[in-house]
Amino acid sequence: MSEKIFVVFFDAKMKTYTDRKQYSSFVKQLKGDGFCMLQKSIYFKLCVDSSSLKSQSERVKRFTPDTIQTVILSISPQSFNDGVYFNCKKPDFLKNKSIICI
């Protein structure tokens, strides 16, 4: 199994009411798809194989509005766990792979 951590970084310019509505809808969609917030504009999710990673990537691409710049990154759980964390709690993927909480 080739598990990957799917990370979505985004920058949303919220100058108008419509921009704010699109941002709210985008974040709601991410949360609805099982993403967890790491920071205000960084969300992540564990994907169990490359096909789920690809389908999730396409799904995020479909619901991302033109006003939000988005970067999608995938890394191994080991690389994520080997990261250095300051002033935050590192998620534990190995104990419960179905739920990721911070």
N, C-alpha and C. Protein backbone atom coordinates (compact mmCIF):
# COMPACT_ATOMS: atom_id res chain seq x y z
N MET A 1 0.85 -1.18 0.00
CA MET A 1 0.00 0.00 0.00
C MET A 1 0.90 1.24 0.00
N SER A 2 0.57 2.20 -0.84
CA SER A 2 1.40 3.41 -0.94
C SER A 2 0.63 4.61 -0.39
N GLU A 3 0.49 4.65 0.91
CA GLU A 3 -0.23 5.75 1.54
C GLU A 3 0.50 7.07 1.31
N LYS A 4 -0.27 8.13 1.15
CA LYS A 4 0.28 9.46 0.98
C LYS A 4 -0.53 10.46 1.79
N ILE A 5 0.15 11.46 2.26
CA ILE A 5 -0.53 12.58 2.90
C ILE A 5 -0.79 13.59 1.80
N PHE A 6 -2.02 13.93 1.62
CA PHE A 6 -2.46 14.87 0.58
C PHE A 6 -2.59 16.24 1.24
N VAL A 7 -1.79 17.19 0.80
CA VAL A 7 -1.77 18.52 1.42
C VAL A 7 -2.24 19.55 0.39
N VAL A 8 -3.15 20.42 0.82
CA VAL A 8 -3.65 21.50 -0.04
C VAL A 8 -3.26 22.83 0.61
N PHE A 9 -2.44 23.61 -0.10
CA PHE A 9 -2.07 24.96 0.31
C PHE A 9 -2.86 25.91 -0.57
N PHE A 10 -3.41 26.97 -0.01
CA PHE A 10 -4.13 27.90 -0.87
C PHE A 10 -4.04 29.33 -0.35
N ASP A 11 -4.24 30.25 -1.28
CA ASP A 11 -4.24 31.68 -0.98
C ASP A 11 -5.51 32.26 -1.59
N ALA A 12 -6.35 32.80 -0.75
CA ALA A 12 -7.62 33.35 -1.22
C ALA A 12 -7.65 34.85 -0.99
N LYS A 13 -7.80 35.59 -2.06
CA LYS A 13 -7.97 37.04 -1.96
C LYS A 13 -9.45 37.29 -1.70
N MET A 14 -9.74 37.88 -0.57
CA MET A 14 -11.14 38.10 -0.20
C MET A 14 -11.44 39.59 -0.16
N LYS A 15 -11.57 40.16 -1.35
CA LYS A 15 -11.83 41.59 -1.47
C LYS A 15 -13.32 41.91 -1.53
N THR A 16 -14.09 40.99 -2.06
CA THR A 16 -15.52 41.24 -2.23
C THR A 16 -16.33 40.18 -1.48
N TYR A 17 -17.61 40.45 -1.39
CA TYR A 17 -18.53 39.51 -0.76
C TYR A 17 -18.51 38.17 -1.50
N THR A 18 -18.48 38.22 -2.83
CA THR A 18 -18.45 37.00 -3.64
C THR A 18 -17.18 36.19 -3.36
N ASP A 19 -16.05 36.88 -3.22
CA ASP A 19 -14.79 36.20 -2.90
C ASP A 19 -14.89 35.47 -1.56
N ARG A 20 -15.48 36.11 -0.58
CA ARG A 20 -15.64 35.50 0.74
C ARG A 20 -16.58 34.29 0.68
N LYS A 21 -17.63 34.39 -0.09
CA LYS A 21 -18.56 33.27 -0.26
C LYS A 21 -17.86 32.08 -0.93
N GLN A 22 -17.05 32.37 -1.95
CA GLN A 22 -16.33 31.30 -2.64
C GLN A 22 -15.31 30.64 -1.70
N TYR A 23 -14.64 31.45 -0.89
CA TYR A 23 -13.69 30.91 0.10
C TYR A 23 -14.42 30.01 1.09
N SER A 24 -15.53 30.48 1.62
CA SER A 24 -16.30 29.68 2.60
C SER A 24 -16.77 28.37 1.99
N SER A 25 -17.22 28.42 0.76
CA SER A 25 -17.68 27.23 0.07
C SER A 25 -16.52 26.25 -0.17
N PHE A 26 -15.36 26.78 -0.55
CA PHE A 26 -14.18 25.96 -0.79
C PHE A 26 -13.75 25.23 0.49
N VAL A 27 -13.66 25.96 1.59
CA VAL A 27 -13.25 25.37 2.86
C VAL A 27 -14.28 24.34 3.33
N LYS A 28 -15.55 24.65 3.16
CA LYS A 28 -16.61 23.71 3.54
C LYS A 28 -16.50 22.42 2.73
N GLN A 29 -16.16 22.55 1.45
CA GLN A 29 -16.00 21.38 0.57
C GLN A 29 -14.80 20.54 1.02
N LEU A 30 -13.68 21.20 1.37
CA LEU A 30 -12.51 20.47 1.86
C LEU A 30 -12.85 19.68 3.12
N LYS A 31 -13.49 20.35 4.07
CA LYS A 31 -13.87 19.69 5.32
C LYS A 31 -14.84 18.54 5.06
N GLY A 32 -15.77 18.74 4.14
CA GLY A 32 -16.72 17.70 3.79
C GLY A 32 -16.06 16.48 3.16
N ASP A 33 -14.92 16.71 2.51
CA ASP A 33 -14.18 15.61 1.89
C ASP A 33 -13.20 14.95 2.87
N GLY A 34 -13.24 15.37 4.13
CA GLY A 34 -12.42 14.72 5.15
C GLY A 34 -11.06 15.36 5.41
N PHE A 35 -10.84 16.55 4.88
CA PHE A 35 -9.58 17.24 5.14
C PHE A 35 -9.60 17.85 6.53
N CYS A 36 -8.43 17.92 7.14
CA CYS A 36 -8.27 18.55 8.45
C CYS A 36 -7.40 19.79 8.29
N MET A 37 -7.72 20.82 9.07
CA MET A 37 -6.98 22.06 8.98
C MET A 37 -5.68 21.95 9.77
N LEU A 38 -4.57 22.31 9.12
CA LEU A 38 -3.28 22.41 9.80
C LEU A 38 -3.03 23.87 10.15
N GLN A 39 -3.34 24.76 9.22
CA GLN A 39 -3.35 26.20 9.43
C GLN A 39 -4.54 26.74 8.65
N LYS A 40 -4.77 28.03 8.72
CA LYS A 40 -5.96 28.61 8.09
C LYS A 40 -6.03 28.32 6.59
N SER A 41 -4.90 28.24 5.92
CA SER A 41 -4.92 27.99 4.48
C SER A 41 -4.15 26.73 4.10
N ILE A 42 -4.02 25.79 5.04
CA ILE A 42 -3.36 24.52 4.76
C ILE A 42 -4.21 23.39 5.34
N TYR A 43 -4.68 22.51 4.46
CA TYR A 43 -5.49 21.38 4.86
C TYR A 43 -4.81 20.09 4.40
N PHE A 44 -5.05 19.00 5.11
CA PHE A 44 -4.42 17.74 4.73
C PHE A 44 -5.36 16.57 4.98
N LYS A 45 -5.02 15.46 4.32
CA LYS A 45 -5.84 14.25 4.41
C LYS A 45 -4.94 13.05 4.07
N LEU A 46 -5.21 11.90 4.66
CA LEU A 46 -4.49 10.68 4.35
C LEU A 46 -5.20 9.95 3.21
N CYS A 47 -4.47 9.67 2.14
CA CYS A 47 -5.00 8.87 1.03
C CYS A 47 -4.32 7.51 1.07
N VAL A 48 -5.10 6.44 0.93
CA VAL A 48 -4.57 5.10 1.12
C VAL A 48 -3.82 4.54 -0.08
N ASP A 49 -4.07 5.06 -1.28
CA ASP A 49 -3.35 4.58 -2.45
C ASP A 49 -3.30 5.67 -3.52
N SER A 50 -2.57 5.39 -4.59
CA SER A 50 -2.37 6.40 -5.63
C SER A 50 -3.66 6.72 -6.39
N SER A 51 -4.56 5.76 -6.52
CA SER A 51 -5.81 6.05 -7.24
C SER A 51 -6.71 6.98 -6.43
N SER A 52 -6.76 6.81 -5.11
CA SER A 52 -7.56 7.74 -4.30
C SER A 52 -6.91 9.12 -4.27
N LEU A 53 -5.58 9.16 -4.31
CA LEU A 53 -4.87 10.43 -4.36
C LEU A 53 -5.20 11.17 -5.66
N LYS A 54 -5.20 10.45 -6.76
CA LYS A 54 -5.50 11.06 -8.06
C LYS A 54 -6.95 11.53 -8.13
N SER A 55 -7.88 10.71 -7.67
CA SER A 55 -9.29 11.11 -7.72
C SER A 55 -9.56 12.30 -6.80
N GLN A 56 -8.91 12.31 -5.62
CA GLN A 56 -9.09 13.45 -4.70
C GLN A 56 -8.51 14.72 -5.30
N SER A 57 -7.38 14.59 -5.98
CA SER A 57 -6.76 15.73 -6.63
C SER A 57 -7.68 16.33 -7.70
N GLU A 58 -8.27 15.47 -8.49
CA GLU A 58 -9.21 15.93 -9.53
C GLU A 58 -10.44 16.58 -8.90
N ARG A 59 -10.90 16.02 -7.83
CA ARG A 59 -12.07 16.58 -7.13
C ARG A 59 -11.78 17.98 -6.60
N VAL A 60 -10.61 18.15 -5.95
CA VAL A 60 -10.23 19.47 -5.44
C VAL A 60 -10.11 20.46 -6.60
N LYS A 61 -9.53 20.01 -7.69
CA LYS A 61 -9.38 20.88 -8.86
C LYS A 61 -10.75 21.36 -9.37
N ARG A 62 -11.73 20.46 -9.36
CA ARG A 62 -13.07 20.81 -9.85
C ARG A 62 -13.76 21.86 -8.99
N PHE A 63 -13.63 21.77 -7.66
CA PHE A 63 -14.38 22.71 -6.83
C PHE A 63 -13.56 23.93 -6.40
N THR A 64 -12.33 24.08 -6.89
CA THR A 64 -11.53 25.26 -6.57
C THR A 64 -11.94 26.42 -7.47
N PRO A 65 -12.40 27.54 -6.89
CA PRO A 65 -12.78 28.69 -7.72
C PRO A 65 -11.54 29.38 -8.30
N ASP A 66 -11.75 30.15 -9.34
CA ASP A 66 -10.65 30.86 -10.01
C ASP A 66 -9.99 31.89 -9.11
N THR A 67 -10.68 32.35 -8.09
CA THR A 67 -10.13 33.39 -7.21
C THR A 67 -9.18 32.84 -6.15
N ILE A 68 -9.06 31.51 -6.05
CA ILE A 68 -8.21 30.89 -5.04
C ILE A 68 -7.04 30.18 -5.71
N GLN A 69 -5.83 30.61 -5.38
CA GLN A 69 -4.62 29.96 -5.89
C GLN A 69 -4.34 28.76 -5.01
N THR A 70 -4.16 27.59 -5.63
CA THR A 70 -4.04 26.35 -4.88
C THR A 70 -2.82 25.55 -5.31
N VAL A 71 -2.12 24.99 -4.33
CA VAL A 71 -1.00 24.07 -4.57
C VAL A 71 -1.34 22.76 -3.89
N ILE A 72 -1.19 21.67 -4.61
CA ILE A 72 -1.45 20.34 -4.08
C ILE A 72 -0.12 19.60 -3.98
N LEU A 73 0.11 19.00 -2.83
CA LEU A 73 1.36 18.29 -2.58
C LEU A 73 1.05 16.96 -1.93
N SER A 74 1.78 15.92 -2.30
CA SER A 74 1.61 14.63 -1.62
C SER A 74 2.97 14.19 -1.09
N ILE A 75 2.96 13.70 0.14
CA ILE A 75 4.18 13.20 0.77
C ILE A 75 3.87 11.92 1.52
N SER A 76 4.88 11.14 1.81
CA SER A 76 4.67 9.89 2.54
C SER A 76 4.37 10.20 4.01
N PRO A 77 3.62 9.31 4.67
CA PRO A 77 3.36 9.51 6.10
C PRO A 77 4.65 9.57 6.91
N GLN A 78 5.67 8.80 6.50
CA GLN A 78 6.94 8.82 7.23
C GLN A 78 7.59 10.20 7.13
N SER A 79 7.57 10.81 5.94
CA SER A 79 8.14 12.15 5.78
C SER A 79 7.38 13.16 6.61
N PHE A 80 6.05 13.01 6.64
CA PHE A 80 5.23 13.92 7.44
C PHE A 80 5.55 13.77 8.92
N ASN A 81 5.66 12.52 9.38
CA ASN A 81 5.96 12.26 10.78
C ASN A 81 7.38 12.66 11.16
N ASP A 82 8.30 12.64 10.20
CA ASP A 82 9.69 13.03 10.46
C ASP A 82 9.86 14.54 10.47
N GLY A 83 8.81 15.28 10.12
CA GLY A 83 8.90 16.74 10.11
C GLY A 83 9.17 17.30 11.49
N VAL A 84 9.57 18.53 11.53
CA VAL A 84 9.83 19.22 12.79
C VAL A 84 8.64 20.12 13.08
N TYR A 85 8.06 20.01 14.26
CA TYR A 85 6.87 20.76 14.63
C TYR A 85 7.17 21.64 15.83
N PHE A 86 6.87 22.92 15.71
CA PHE A 86 7.05 23.87 16.80
C PHE A 86 5.69 24.43 17.20
N ASN A 87 5.42 24.47 18.48
CA ASN A 87 4.20 25.08 19.00
C ASN A 87 2.92 24.48 18.41
N CYS A 88 2.96 23.21 18.05
CA CYS A 88 1.74 22.55 17.55
C CYS A 88 1.83 21.06 17.86
N LYS A 89 0.73 20.40 17.75
CA LYS A 89 0.66 18.97 18.03
C LYS A 89 0.72 18.20 16.72
N LYS A 90 1.66 17.29 16.59
CA LYS A 90 1.81 16.48 15.38
C LYS A 90 0.72 15.42 15.32
N PRO A 91 0.02 15.30 14.19
CA PRO A 91 -0.99 14.25 14.05
C PRO A 91 -0.34 12.87 14.08
N ASP A 92 -1.02 11.90 14.64
CA ASP A 92 -0.52 10.53 14.70
C ASP A 92 -1.31 9.69 13.71
N PHE A 93 -0.67 9.35 12.58
CA PHE A 93 -1.36 8.61 11.53
C PHE A 93 -1.33 7.11 11.76
N LEU A 94 -0.39 6.62 12.53
CA LEU A 94 -0.20 5.18 12.63
C LEU A 94 -1.22 4.51 13.55
N LYS A 95 -1.74 5.22 14.54
CA LYS A 95 -2.69 4.61 15.47
C LYS A 95 -4.07 4.45 14.87
N ASN A 96 -4.58 5.47 14.19
CA ASN A 96 -5.92 5.41 13.63
C ASN A 96 -5.90 6.05 12.25
N LYS A 97 -5.80 5.24 11.22
CA LYS A 97 -5.63 5.78 9.87
C LYS A 97 -6.93 6.33 9.27
N SER A 98 -8.05 6.11 9.90
CA SER A 98 -9.30 6.60 9.34
C SER A 98 -9.63 8.01 9.83
N ILE A 99 -9.04 8.43 10.94
CA ILE A 99 -9.34 9.74 11.50
C ILE A 99 -8.04 10.48 11.77
N ILE A 100 -7.95 11.71 11.29
CA ILE A 100 -6.78 12.52 11.52
C ILE A 100 -7.24 13.76 12.26
N CYS A 101 -6.75 13.96 13.45
CA CYS A 101 -7.14 15.12 14.24
C CYS A 101 -5.90 15.82 14.78
N ILE A 102 -6.03 17.10 14.93
CA ILE A 102 -4.95 17.89 15.53
C ILE A 102 -5.43 18.42 16.85
